[in-house]
Amino acid sequence: MKKRIGKVILVIAAIIILGAVTGCFYTVQPNQYVAVRQFGRIVKIESEPGLKVKAPVIQNIQRISAATTLYDVPLSDVITRDKKSMIADNYVLWKVVDPTKYIRTLDAIDARAEERIEAAVYNALKSVISSMTQDEVIEARGEKLTQLLTDEANSDIGDYGIQVITAEIKALDLPDDNKSAVYDRMISERQNIAASYTAQGEAEAQKIRNETDKNVKVMVADANKKAEITIAEGEAEYMKILQEAYNTPQKADFYNYLRSLDALKVSMSGDNKTIILDKDSELARILYGGTIGNDTSAAPAAAPAAASENEGN
């Protein structure tokens, strides 16, 4: 009987010792905080993963997630600076950054944390959107508005050991009763902007056309000037060649003789064959049958015959 009682005592003692030894150790998982508490007071916060040691019996642990958490915020009705109502649908990514504050203020209860986050995001929405007109809100949608909301929410939630990583707007819509009027106004504004761009483009095109026309006129004038210079130089060269070709009295008389024949040929074209000549002109000398350099008075009787003959031709 005594042996049996002794065995029971030994088993109980072994269980107590095993429990005490087991109670000395605990593990910390990745993305996890472990608060070591002694008589309710926080004595240590562990965040590095691994096997840890604590005092048995008098110390206990409290586990807190360090991972990023998604919270879908309920719809919020907010008013812009120009007194227009808008409906915002948000979600928040948040995490615990100070587990000591998180335990002391919220007792590490996520539901309480989400209540504070919801209130902080709603206050941020009111603060940011109420400082902007409806057009400014629509224009700022995206990264700019998200950053404004995130910064404003963090300024209201930091005392709880929580950080809002991003306060993102999933949808920012208008109440059904004024959607149509707002959309019509937006369409009208876009049309005005498009008309302004078109007018600017046409003005720029006209400017380019005017500049091109100006350049063309300058180029044509320059080309005409060069052409005139070239013609004048050619005529000067032509006269120089003629002067060199007919540089003796005989050659000059022959040249005048040929020019007179050319002039007579031109004058006798058409129906009118009557010409009036000076008696000293080369044509008169030719028509009266004189020779180059001879006195026309030597053959006055030949003039009518020559004139008649040419008139018949």
C-alpha atoms as a PDB file:
ATOM      1  CA  MET A   1       0.000   0.000   0.000  1.00  0.00           C
ATOM      2  CA  LYS A   2       2.782   2.369   0.952  1.00  0.00           C
ATOM      3  CA  LYS A   3       4.635   1.516  -2.286  1.00  0.00           C
ATOM      4  CA  ARG A   4       1.539   2.314  -4.321  1.00  0.00           C
ATOM      5  CA  ILE A   5       1.121   5.703  -2.613  1.00  0.00           C
ATOM      6  CA  GLY A   6       4.782   6.446  -3.212  1.00  0.00           C
ATOM      7  CA  LYS A   7       4.446   5.717  -6.906  1.00  0.00           C
ATOM      8  CA  VAL A   8       1.445   8.035  -7.175  1.00  0.00           C
ATOM      9  CA  ILE A   9       3.378  10.784  -5.437  1.00  0.00           C
ATOM     10  CA  LEU A  10       6.300  10.273  -7.787  1.00  0.00           C
ATOM     11  CA  VAL A  11       4.026  10.450 -10.848  1.00  0.00           C
ATOM     12  CA  ILE A  12       2.401  13.649  -9.582  1.00  0.00           C
ATOM     13  CA  ALA A  13       5.772  15.186  -8.849  1.00  0.00           C
ATOM     14  CA  ALA A  14       7.011  14.242 -12.318  1.00  0.00           C
ATOM     15  CA  ILE A  15       3.964  15.825 -13.902  1.00  0.00           C
ATOM     16  CA  ILE A  16       4.493  19.009 -11.872  1.00  0.00           C
ATOM     17  CA  ILE A  17       8.151  19.137 -12.784  1.00  0.00           C
ATOM     18  CA  LEU A  18       7.395  18.483 -16.459  1.00  0.00           C
ATOM     19  CA  GLY A  19       4.751  21.218 -16.460  1.00  0.00           C
ATOM     20  CA  ALA A  20       7.167  23.636 -14.785  1.00  0.00           C
ATOM     21  CA  VAL A  21       9.901  22.846 -17.296  1.00  0.00           C
ATOM     22  CA  THR A  22       7.475  23.154 -20.215  1.00  0.00           C
ATOM     23  CA  GLY A  23       6.189  26.460 -18.858  1.00  0.00           C
ATOM     24  CA  CYS A  24       9.696  27.898 -19.044  1.00  0.00           C
ATOM     25  CA  PHE A  25       9.728  27.861 -22.854  1.00  0.00           C
ATOM     26  CA  TYR A  26       7.640  29.471 -25.585  1.00  0.00           C
ATOM     27  CA  THR A  27       8.060  30.159 -29.305  1.00  0.00           C
ATOM     28  CA  VAL A  28       7.721  33.325 -31.335  1.00  0.00           C
ATOM     29  CA  GLN A  29       6.380  32.854 -34.879  1.00  0.00           C
ATOM     30  CA  PRO A  30       7.200  35.076 -37.880  1.00  0.00           C
ATOM     31  CA  ASN A  31       4.987  38.177 -38.141  1.00  0.00           C
ATOM     32  CA  GLN A  32       4.149  37.912 -34.455  1.00  0.00           C
ATOM     33  CA  TYR A  33       4.753  39.809 -31.242  1.00  0.00           C
ATOM     34  CA  VAL A  34       4.776  38.003 -27.890  1.00  0.00           C
ATOM     35  CA  ALA A  35       4.240  40.058 -24.746  1.00  0.00           C
ATOM     36  CA  VAL A  36       5.624  38.491 -21.561  1.00  0.00           C
ATOM     37  CA  ARG A  37       3.459  39.564 -18.601  1.00  0.00           C
ATOM     38  CA  GLN A  38       4.157  39.141 -14.936  1.00  0.00           C
ATOM     39  CA  PHE A  39       1.196  39.646 -12.649  1.00  0.00           C
ATOM     40  CA  GLY A  40      -0.500  41.552 -15.520  1.00  0.00           C
ATOM     41  CA  ARG A  41       2.408  43.929 -16.084  1.00  0.00           C
ATOM     42  CA  ILE A  42       4.275  43.802 -19.412  1.00  0.00           C
ATOM     43  CA  VAL A  43       7.902  42.986 -18.725  1.00  0.00           C
ATOM     44  CA  LYS A  44       9.125  42.094 -22.214  1.00  0.00           C
ATOM     45  CA  ILE A  45       8.106  42.174 -25.886  1.00  0.00           C
ATOM     46  CA  GLU A  46       9.598  39.552 -28.183  1.00  0.00           C
ATOM     47  CA  SER A  47       9.433  39.984 -31.980  1.00  0.00           C
ATOM     48  CA  GLU A  48      12.330  37.828 -33.237  1.00  0.00           C
ATOM     49  CA  PRO A  49      11.146  34.333 -34.265  1.00  0.00           C
ATOM     50  CA  GLY A  50      12.529  31.430 -32.247  1.00  0.00           C
ATOM     51  CA  LEU A  51      12.426  29.571 -28.918  1.00  0.00           C
ATOM     52  CA  LYS A  52      12.307  31.841 -25.839  1.00  0.00           C
ATOM     53  CA  VAL A  53      12.487  31.372 -22.060  1.00  0.00           C
ATOM     54  CA  LYS A  54      10.301  32.826 -19.301  1.00  0.00           C
ATOM     55  CA  ALA A  55       9.753  32.270 -15.632  1.00  0.00           C
ATOM     56  CA  PRO A  56       7.203  29.532 -15.037  1.00  0.00           C
ATOM     57  CA  VAL A  57       3.940  30.097 -13.172  1.00  0.00           C
ATOM     58  CA  ILE A  58       4.483  33.811 -12.406  1.00  0.00           C
ATOM     59  CA  GLN A  59       4.891  34.850 -16.075  1.00  0.00           C
ATOM     60  CA  ASN A  60       2.480  34.286 -18.934  1.00  0.00           C
ATOM     61  CA  ILE A  61       2.509  35.317 -22.589  1.00  0.00           C
ATOM     62  CA  GLN A  62       0.145  37.175 -24.933  1.00  0.00           C
ATOM     63  CA  ARG A  63       0.440  36.760 -28.673  1.00  0.00           C
ATOM     64  CA  ILE A  64      -0.233  39.684 -31.082  1.00  0.00           C
ATOM     65  CA  SER A  65      -0.188  39.553 -34.882  1.00  0.00           C
ATOM     66  CA  ALA A  66       2.429  41.739 -36.554  1.00  0.00           C
ATOM     67  CA  ALA A  67       1.108  40.995 -40.056  1.00  0.00           C
ATOM     68  CA  THR A  68      -0.658  43.539 -42.268  1.00  0.00           C
ATOM     69  CA  THR A  69      -4.436  43.256 -41.918  1.00  0.00           C
ATOM     70  CA  LEU A  70      -7.181  44.264 -44.337  1.00  0.00           C
ATOM     71  CA  TYR A  71     -10.268  45.999 -42.994  1.00  0.00           C
ATOM     72  CA  ASP A  72     -13.172  46.968 -45.252  1.00  0.00           C
ATOM     73  CA  VAL A  73     -14.604  50.239 -43.946  1.00  0.00           C
ATOM     74  CA  PRO A  74     -18.397  50.760 -44.263  1.00  0.00           C
ATOM     75  CA  LEU A  75     -19.700  53.329 -46.733  1.00  0.00           C
ATOM     76  CA  SER A  76     -19.353  56.961 -45.649  1.00  0.00           C
ATOM     77  CA  ASP A  77     -21.429  59.957 -46.734  1.00  0.00           C
ATOM     78  CA  VAL A  78     -19.263  63.116 -46.770  1.00  0.00           C
ATOM     79  CA  ILE A  79     -19.812  66.743 -47.815  1.00  0.00           C
ATOM     80  CA  THR A  80     -17.400  68.728 -49.996  1.00  0.00           C
ATOM     81  CA  ARG A  81     -16.421  72.346 -49.475  1.00  0.00           C
ATOM     82  CA  ASP A  82     -18.996  73.466 -52.043  1.00  0.00           C
ATOM     83  CA  LYS A  83     -21.703  71.555 -50.132  1.00  0.00           C
ATOM     84  CA  LYS A  84     -21.948  68.583 -52.489  1.00  0.00           C
ATOM     85  CA  SER A  85     -22.644  65.138 -51.065  1.00  0.00           C
ATOM     86  CA  MET A  86     -20.398  62.204 -52.000  1.00  0.00           C
ATOM     87  CA  ILE A  87     -20.382  58.552 -50.987  1.00  0.00           C
ATOM     88  CA  ALA A  88     -16.999  56.950 -50.261  1.00  0.00           C
ATOM     89  CA  ASP A  89     -16.259  53.227 -50.070  1.00  0.00           C
ATOM     90  CA  ASN A  90     -12.868  52.575 -48.399  1.00  0.00           C
ATOM     91  CA  TYR A  91     -10.641  49.767 -47.296  1.00  0.00           C
ATOM     92  CA  VAL A  92      -7.652  49.985 -44.970  1.00  0.00           C
ATOM     93  CA  LEU A  93      -4.407  48.057 -44.637  1.00  0.00           C
ATOM     94  CA  TRP A  94      -3.126  48.333 -41.087  1.00  0.00           C
ATOM     95  CA  LYS A  95      -0.741  46.652 -38.647  1.00  0.00           C
ATOM     96  CA  VAL A  96       0.453  46.867 -35.052  1.00  0.00           C
ATOM     97  CA  VAL A  97       3.724  48.785 -34.733  1.00  0.00           C
ATOM     98  CA  ASP A  98       3.783  49.309 -30.947  1.00  0.00           C
ATOM     99  CA  PRO A  99       2.444  46.224 -29.146  1.00  0.00           C
ATOM    100  CA  THR A 100       2.792  47.823 -25.709  1.00  0.00           C
ATOM    101  CA  LYS A 101       0.445  50.675 -26.623  1.00  0.00           C
ATOM    102  CA  TYR A 102      -1.807  48.241 -28.436  1.00  0.00           C
ATOM    103  CA  ILE A 103      -2.212  46.109 -25.293  1.00  0.00           C
ATOM    104  CA  ARG A 104      -2.639  49.023 -22.891  1.00  0.00           C
ATOM    105  CA  THR A 105      -5.216  50.930 -24.967  1.00  0.00           C
ATOM    106  CA  LEU A 106      -7.119  48.178 -26.772  1.00  0.00           C
ATOM    107  CA  ASP A 107      -6.145  45.072 -24.767  1.00  0.00           C
ATOM    108  CA  ALA A 108      -4.811  43.655 -28.083  1.00  0.00           C
ATOM    109  CA  ILE A 109      -8.340  43.036 -29.361  1.00  0.00           C
ATOM    110  CA  ASP A 110      -8.551  43.434 -33.146  1.00  0.00           C
ATOM    111  CA  ALA A 111     -12.282  44.247 -33.099  1.00  0.00           C
ATOM    112  CA  ARG A 112     -11.585  47.279 -30.902  1.00  0.00           C
ATOM    113  CA  ALA A 113      -8.726  48.279 -33.191  1.00  0.00           C
ATOM    114  CA  GLU A 114     -10.999  48.178 -36.233  1.00  0.00           C
ATOM    115  CA  GLU A 115     -13.546  50.353 -34.442  1.00  0.00           C
ATOM    116  CA  ARG A 116     -10.839  52.986 -33.862  1.00  0.00           C
ATOM    117  CA  ILE A 117      -9.618  52.630 -37.453  1.00  0.00           C
ATOM    118  CA  GLU A 118     -13.134  53.085 -38.818  1.00  0.00           C
ATOM    119  CA  ALA A 119     -13.580  56.265 -36.785  1.00  0.00           C
ATOM    120  CA  ALA A 120     -10.146  57.577 -37.803  1.00  0.00           C
ATOM    121  CA  VAL A 121     -10.771  56.969 -41.519  1.00  0.00           C
ATOM    122  CA  TYR A 122     -14.206  58.591 -41.342  1.00  0.00           C
ATOM    123  CA  ASN A 123     -12.726  61.658 -39.618  1.00  0.00           C
ATOM    124  CA  ALA A 124      -9.968  61.761 -42.230  1.00  0.00           C
ATOM    125  CA  LEU A 125     -12.529  61.606 -45.027  1.00  0.00           C
ATOM    126  CA  LYS A 126     -14.522  64.457 -43.523  1.00  0.00           C
ATOM    127  CA  SER A 127     -11.410  66.553 -42.934  1.00  0.00           C
ATOM    128  CA  VAL A 128      -9.876  66.036 -46.388  1.00  0.00           C
ATOM    129  CA  ILE A 129     -12.984  66.112 -48.569  1.00  0.00           C
ATOM    130  CA  SER A 130     -14.595  69.020 -46.706  1.00  0.00           C
ATOM    131  CA  SER A 131     -11.507  71.110 -47.565  1.00  0.00           C
ATOM    132  CA  MET A 132     -11.932  70.462 -51.318  1.00  0.00           C
ATOM    133  CA  THR A 133     -14.588  71.209 -53.901  1.00  0.00           C
ATOM    134  CA  GLN A 134     -16.276  68.350 -55.687  1.00  0.00           C
ATOM    135  CA  ASP A 135     -14.254  68.990 -58.835  1.00  0.00           C
ATOM    136  CA  GLU A 136     -11.014  69.005 -56.805  1.00  0.00           C
ATOM    137  CA  VAL A 137     -11.978  65.715 -55.140  1.00  0.00           C
ATOM    138  CA  ILE A 138     -12.650  64.084 -58.511  1.00  0.00           C
ATOM    139  CA  GLU A 139      -9.399  65.449 -59.905  1.00  0.00           C
ATOM    140  CA  ALA A 140      -7.405  64.206 -56.875  1.00  0.00           C
ATOM    141  CA  ARG A 141      -8.770  60.654 -57.023  1.00  0.00           C
ATOM    142  CA  GLY A 142      -6.038  58.077 -56.929  1.00  0.00           C
ATOM    143  CA  GLU A 143      -2.601  58.352 -55.383  1.00  0.00           C
ATOM    144  CA  LYS A 144      -2.953  61.966 -54.204  1.00  0.00           C
ATOM    145  CA  LEU A 145      -6.243  61.475 -52.358  1.00  0.00           C
ATOM    146  CA  THR A 146      -5.072  58.145 -50.912  1.00  0.00           C
ATOM    147  CA  GLN A 147      -1.944  59.766 -49.474  1.00  0.00           C
ATOM    148  CA  LEU A 148      -3.964  62.604 -47.921  1.00  0.00           C
ATOM    149  CA  LEU A 149      -6.390  60.170 -46.266  1.00  0.00           C
ATOM    150  CA  THR A 150      -3.594  57.880 -45.044  1.00  0.00           C
ATOM    151  CA  ASP A 151      -1.639  60.731 -43.441  1.00  0.00           C
ATOM    152  CA  GLU A 152      -4.759  62.175 -41.824  1.00  0.00           C
ATOM    153  CA  ALA A 153      -5.878  58.772 -40.450  1.00  0.00           C
ATOM    154  CA  ASN A 154      -2.431  58.057 -38.967  1.00  0.00           C
ATOM    155  CA  SER A 155      -2.445  61.370 -37.118  1.00  0.00           C
ATOM    156  CA  ASP A 156      -5.573  60.154 -35.285  1.00  0.00           C
ATOM    157  CA  ILE A 157      -4.659  56.500 -34.665  1.00  0.00           C
ATOM    158  CA  GLY A 158      -1.012  56.597 -33.577  1.00  0.00           C
ATOM    159  CA  ASP A 159      -1.778  56.583 -29.827  1.00  0.00           C
ATOM    160  CA  TYR A 160      -3.156  53.056 -30.132  1.00  0.00           C
ATOM    161  CA  GLY A 161       0.091  51.531 -31.422  1.00  0.00           C
ATOM    162  CA  ILE A 162      -1.466  51.071 -34.867  1.00  0.00           C
ATOM    163  CA  GLN A 163      -0.210  52.267 -38.248  1.00  0.00           C
ATOM    164  CA  VAL A 164      -2.498  52.708 -41.248  1.00  0.00           C
ATOM    165  CA  ILE A 165      -0.367  51.603 -44.198  1.00  0.00           C
ATOM    166  CA  THR A 166      -2.880  52.819 -46.763  1.00  0.00           C
ATOM    167  CA  ALA A 167      -6.435  54.132 -46.680  1.00  0.00           C
ATOM    168  CA  GLU A 168      -7.608  53.388 -50.195  1.00  0.00           C
ATOM    169  CA  ILE A 169     -10.873  54.563 -51.765  1.00  0.00           C
ATOM    170  CA  LYS A 170     -12.463  51.738 -53.731  1.00  0.00           C
ATOM    171  CA  ALA A 171     -15.283  53.910 -55.034  1.00  0.00           C
ATOM    172  CA  LEU A 172     -16.144  57.588 -54.748  1.00  0.00           C
ATOM    173  CA  ASP A 173     -19.593  58.155 -56.128  1.00  0.00           C
ATOM    174  CA  LEU A 174     -22.338  60.746 -56.218  1.00  0.00           C
ATOM    175  CA  PRO A 175     -25.826  60.351 -54.810  1.00  0.00           C
ATOM    176  CA  ASP A 176     -28.306  59.284 -57.475  1.00  0.00           C
ATOM    177  CA  ASP A 177     -30.252  62.562 -57.304  1.00  0.00           C
ATOM    178  CA  ASN A 178     -27.405  64.747 -58.620  1.00  0.00           C
ATOM    179  CA  LYS A 179     -25.352  62.350 -60.738  1.00  0.00           C
ATOM    180  CA  SER A 180     -26.921  63.505 -64.002  1.00  0.00           C
ATOM    181  CA  ALA A 181     -26.346  67.228 -63.378  1.00  0.00           C
ATOM    182  CA  VAL A 182     -22.722  66.658 -62.364  1.00  0.00           C
ATOM    183  CA  TYR A 183     -22.002  64.433 -65.358  1.00  0.00           C
ATOM    184  CA  ASP A 184     -23.562  66.991 -67.743  1.00  0.00           C
ATOM    185  CA  ARG A 185     -21.423  69.739 -66.247  1.00  0.00           C
ATOM    186  CA  MET A 186     -18.294  67.592 -66.515  1.00  0.00           C
ATOM    187  CA  ILE A 187     -19.079  66.836 -70.176  1.00  0.00           C
ATOM    188  CA  SER A 188     -19.584  70.541 -70.870  1.00  0.00           C
ATOM    189  CA  GLU A 189     -16.281  71.417 -69.211  1.00  0.00           C
ATOM    190  CA  ARG A 190     -14.440  68.771 -71.211  1.00  0.00           C
ATOM    191  CA  GLN A 191     -16.010  70.077 -74.411  1.00  0.00           C
ATOM    192  CA  ASN A 192     -14.876  73.607 -73.537  1.00  0.00           C
ATOM    193  CA  ILE A 193     -11.364  72.334 -72.897  1.00  0.00           C
ATOM    194  CA  ALA A 194     -11.399  70.457 -76.210  1.00  0.00           C
ATOM    195  CA  ALA A 195     -12.598  73.603 -78.028  1.00  0.00           C
ATOM    196  CA  SER A 196      -9.816  75.600 -76.390  1.00  0.00           C
ATOM    197  CA  TYR A 197      -7.208  73.065 -77.514  1.00  0.00           C
ATOM    198  CA  THR A 198      -8.682  73.106 -81.044  1.00  0.00           C
ATOM    199  CA  ALA A 199      -8.537  76.919 -81.179  1.00  0.00           C
ATOM    200  CA  GLN A 200      -4.949  76.898 -79.962  1.00  0.00           C
ATOM    201  CA  GLY A 201      -4.045  74.301 -82.579  1.00  0.00           C
ATOM    202  CA  GLU A 202      -5.700  76.293 -85.372  1.00  0.00           C
ATOM    203  CA  ALA A 203      -3.931  79.490 -84.254  1.00  0.00           C
ATOM    204  CA  GLU A 204      -0.611  77.665 -84.222  1.00  0.00           C
ATOM    205  CA  ALA A 205      -1.340  76.166 -87.652  1.00  0.00           C
ATOM    206  CA  GLN A 206      -2.169  79.609 -89.066  1.00  0.00           C
ATOM    207  CA  LYS A 207       1.021  80.991 -87.577  1.00  0.00           C
ATOM    208  CA  ILE A 208       3.005  78.213 -89.266  1.00  0.00           C
ATOM    209  CA  ARG A 209       1.218  78.841 -92.579  1.00  0.00           C
ATOM    210  CA  ASN A 210       1.924  82.597 -92.394  1.00  0.00           C
ATOM    211  CA  GLU A 211       5.558  81.964 -91.592  1.00  0.00           C
ATOM    212  CA  THR A 212       5.801  79.489 -94.474  1.00  0.00           C
ATOM    213  CA  ASP A 213       4.184  81.936 -96.915  1.00  0.00           C
ATOM    214  CA  LYS A 214       6.582  84.628 -95.771  1.00  0.00           C
ATOM    215  CA  ASN A 215       9.568  82.337 -96.277  1.00  0.00           C
ATOM    216  CA  VAL A 216       8.280  81.333 -99.732  1.00  0.00           C
ATOM    217  CA  LYS A 217       7.917  84.986-100.780  1.00  0.00           C
ATOM    218  CA  VAL A 218      11.399  85.773 -99.534  1.00  0.00           C
ATOM    219  CA  MET A 219      12.809  82.766-101.380  1.00  0.00           C
ATOM    220  CA  VAL A 220      10.945  83.666-104.613  1.00  0.00           C
ATOM    221  CA  ALA A 221      12.093  87.294-104.383  1.00  0.00           C
ATOM    222  CA  ASP A 222      15.650  86.148-103.800  1.00  0.00           C
ATOM    223  CA  ALA A 223      15.408  83.754-106.739  1.00  0.00           C
ATOM    224  CA  ASN A 224      13.993  86.496-109.000  1.00  0.00           C
ATOM    225  CA  LYS A 225      16.771  88.832-107.911  1.00  0.00           C
ATOM    226  CA  LYS A 226      19.398  86.225-108.731  1.00  0.00           C
ATOM    227  CA  ALA A 227      17.648  85.537-112.048  1.00  0.00           C
ATOM    228  CA  GLU A 228      17.669  89.240-112.954  1.00  0.00           C
ATOM    229  CA  ILE A 229      21.324  89.474-112.040  1.00  0.00           C
ATOM    230  CA  THR A 230      22.070  86.425-114.169  1.00  0.00           C
ATOM    231  CA  ILE A 231      20.079  87.860-117.107  1.00  0.00           C
ATOM    232  CA  ALA A 232      21.840  91.212-116.793  1.00  0.00           C
ATOM    233  CA  GLU A 233      25.206  89.481-116.658  1.00  0.00           C
ATOM    234  CA  GLY A 234      24.246  87.409-119.723  1.00  0.00           C
ATOM    235  CA  GLU A 235      23.124  90.477-121.638  1.00  0.00           C
ATOM    236  CA  ALA A 236      26.319  92.272-120.665  1.00  0.00           C
ATOM    237  CA  GLU A 237      28.320  89.289-121.868  1.00  0.00           C
ATOM    238  CA  TYR A 238      26.224  89.203-125.049  1.00  0.00           C
ATOM    239  CA  MET A 239      26.940  92.883-125.736  1.00  0.00           C
ATOM    240  CA  LYS A 240      30.582  92.316-124.994  1.00  0.00           C
ATOM    241  CA  ILE A 241      30.674  89.477-127.514  1.00  0.00           C
ATOM    242  CA  LEU A 242      28.869  91.614-130.108  1.00  0.00           C
ATOM    243  CA  GLN A 243      31.261  94.464-129.501  1.00  0.00           C
ATOM    244  CA  GLU A 244      34.209  92.168-129.989  1.00  0.00           C
ATOM    245  CA  ALA A 245      32.616  90.582-133.086  1.00  0.00           C
ATOM    246  CA  TYR A 246      31.860  93.903-134.807  1.00  0.00           C
ATOM    247  CA  ASN A 247      34.822  95.971-133.700  1.00  0.00           C
ATOM    248  CA  THR A 248      35.636  97.330-137.230  1.00  0.00           C
ATOM    249  CA  PRO A 249      33.593  99.827-139.365  1.00  0.00           C
ATOM    250  CA  GLN A 250      32.948  97.176-142.008  1.00  0.00           C
ATOM    251  CA  LYS A 251      31.677  94.656-139.452  1.00  0.00           C
ATOM    252  CA  ALA A 252      29.571  97.369-137.797  1.00  0.00           C
ATOM    253  CA  ASP A 253      27.993  98.320-141.149  1.00  0.00           C
ATOM    254  CA  PHE A 254      27.293  94.659-141.857  1.00  0.00           C
ATOM    255  CA  TYR A 255      25.705  94.277-138.436  1.00  0.00           C
ATOM    256  CA  ASN A 256      23.497  97.338-139.062  1.00  0.00           C
ATOM    257  CA  TYR A 257      22.589  95.914-142.454  1.00  0.00           C
ATOM    258  CA  LEU A 258      21.439  92.613-140.889  1.00  0.00           C
ATOM    259  CA  ARG A 259      19.519  94.408-138.142  1.00  0.00           C
ATOM    260  CA  SER A 260      17.790  96.546-140.770  1.00  0.00           C
ATOM    261  CA  LEU A 261      16.729  93.462-142.696  1.00  0.00           C
ATOM    262  CA  ASP A 262      15.366  91.897-139.526  1.00  0.00           C
ATOM    263  CA  ALA A 263      13.446  95.074-138.751  1.00  0.00           C
ATOM    264  CA  LEU A 264      12.076  95.213-142.309  1.00  0.00           C
ATOM    265  CA  LYS A 265      10.942  91.607-142.059  1.00  0.00           C
ATOM    266  CA  VAL A 266       9.047  92.313-138.867  1.00  0.00           C
ATOM    267  CA  SER A 267       7.532  95.525-140.263  1.00  0.00           C
ATOM    268  CA  MET A 268       6.233  93.833-143.427  1.00  0.00           C
ATOM    269  CA  SER A 269       4.288  91.146-141.584  1.00  0.00           C
ATOM    270  CA  GLY A 270       0.498  91.343-141.548  1.00  0.00           C
ATOM    271  CA  ASP A 271      -1.889  93.026-144.016  1.00  0.00           C
ATOM    272  CA  ASN A 272      -0.402  96.518-143.783  1.00  0.00           C
ATOM    273  CA  LYS A 273       2.634  96.701-146.098  1.00  0.00           C
ATOM    274  CA  THR A 274       3.139 100.476-145.942  1.00  0.00           C
ATOM    275  CA  ILE A 275       6.212 101.792-144.178  1.00  0.00           C
ATOM    276  CA  ILE A 276       7.516 105.343-143.739  1.00  0.00           C
ATOM    277  CA  LEU A 277      11.287 105.678-143.624  1.00  0.00           C
ATOM    278  CA  ASP A 278      13.815 108.416-143.142  1.00  0.00           C
ATOM    279  CA  LYS A 279      15.823 108.937-146.301  1.00  0.00           C
ATOM    280  CA  ASP A 280      19.056 108.421-144.381  1.00  0.00           C
ATOM    281  CA  SER A 281      18.031 105.111-142.763  1.00  0.00           C
ATOM    282  CA  GLU A 282      19.580 101.823-143.731  1.00  0.00           C
ATOM    283  CA  LEU A 283      16.178 100.489-144.803  1.00  0.00           C
ATOM    284  CA  ALA A 284      15.735 103.370-147.185  1.00  0.00           C
ATOM    285  CA  ARG A 285      19.127 102.699-148.661  1.00  0.00           C
ATOM    286  CA  ILE A 286      18.244  99.023-149.073  1.00  0.00           C
ATOM    287  CA  LEU A 287      14.849  99.706-150.615  1.00  0.00           C
ATOM    288  CA  TYR A 288      16.266 102.301-152.984  1.00  0.00           C
ATOM    289  CA  GLY A 289      18.846  99.767-154.117  1.00  0.00           C
ATOM    290  CA  GLY A 290      21.841 101.470-152.624  1.00  0.00           C
ATOM    291  CA  THR A 291      24.767  99.649-151.214  1.00  0.00           C
ATOM    292  CA  ILE A 292      26.177  99.886-147.718  1.00  0.00           C
ATOM    293  CA  GLY A 293      28.229 103.046-147.430  1.00  0.00           C
ATOM    294  CA  ASN A 294      26.961 104.619-150.776  1.00  0.00           C
ATOM    295  CA  ASP A 295      24.922 107.858-151.071  1.00  0.00           C
ATOM    296  CA  THR A 296      21.186 107.107-151.603  1.00  0.00           C
ATOM    297  CA  SER A 297      20.776 110.242-153.675  1.00  0.00           C
ATOM    298  CA  ALA A 298      22.619 108.548-156.526  1.00  0.00           C
ATOM    299  CA  ALA A 299      19.616 106.381-157.332  1.00  0.00           C
ATOM    300  CA  PRO A 300      16.431 108.309-156.564  1.00  0.00           C
ATOM    301  CA  ALA A 301      14.465 106.717-159.396  1.00  0.00           C
ATOM    302  CA  ALA A 302      14.886 103.273-157.919  1.00  0.00           C
ATOM    303  CA  ALA A 303      12.986 104.045-154.734  1.00  0.00           C
ATOM    304  CA  PRO A 304       9.486 103.740-156.145  1.00  0.00           C
ATOM    305  CA  ALA A 305      10.373 100.563-157.949  1.00  0.00           C
ATOM    306  CA  ALA A 306      11.893  99.064-154.842  1.00  0.00           C
ATOM    307  CA  ALA A 307       8.966 100.156-152.742  1.00  0.00           C
ATOM    308  CA  SER A 308       6.541  98.777-155.296  1.00  0.00           C
ATOM    309  CA  GLU A 309       8.415  95.520-155.481  1.00  0.00           C
ATOM    310  CA  ASN A 310       8.446  95.137-151.723  1.00  0.00           C
ATOM    311  CA  GLU A 311       4.791  96.106-151.630  1.00  0.00           C
ATOM    312  CA  GLY A 312       4.031  93.313-154.035  1.00  0.00           C
ATOM    313  CA  ASN A 313       6.019  90.893-151.879  1.00  0.00           C
END
